[in-house]
Amino acid sequence: MLKLILSGYGGQGMLLCGQLLAYASMIEGKEVTWFPTYGAEVRGGAANCSVVISDKPVGSPVIDKADALIACSQPSMDKFHDMVSDGGLVLYHSAIVKNVEKKPGVRYVGVDFSALANTIEFPKAANMVVLGALGSLLNVSETAIAEALKYKFSGMRPGILELNEKAVELGRVAV
């Protein structure tokens, strides 16, 4: 069983990132839960979700200890860092999260997701860069992520799917 917390400011797209990770995991035949939590402010406030991925039915979406934390804001890091299990992973937005008190036995990967999204002139896709990095670190198949993207973005304005696919690939190779 893999328990993840994806967190950031509202508007950064962490909920969508978690949802797409859940879709991709379902495509791989896994059992999943996706549980979003919004701050009162929504855009700019706190937003996080938990994703639980398992080979067996998942009893609860509530996470007390996480195998991975994705932190795209300093408040996210501060709030959830202590929940990461020994042997876990912290993937964080290195341009935003500046105070990282590293715990022994936890792997830390910092990536400037926004800078990578800006290289394709699509800053809104920073969350897709996160998805690509996370997929690579967790060994989620590229095919499953591609199918999840098609499910979510097909039918949107021309070029959106392709830009999101490029952003995912940037994240995949960044880690």
Foldseek 3Di string as FASTA:
>chain_A
DAKEKEKEAQLLCSLVLLVLVQQLLVVVVWAKDKAKDADPVRHGHIIMIMMDTGNDHDPDSDAQAHQEYEYEAQVSCVPCVVRYDQLHEYEYQCVHHPDDDDDPRYHYHYDNLQVLLCVLPHSSLSSLLVSLLVCLVVVRDPVSSLVSLCVPPPPPPPPPSVSSNSSSVNSNVVD
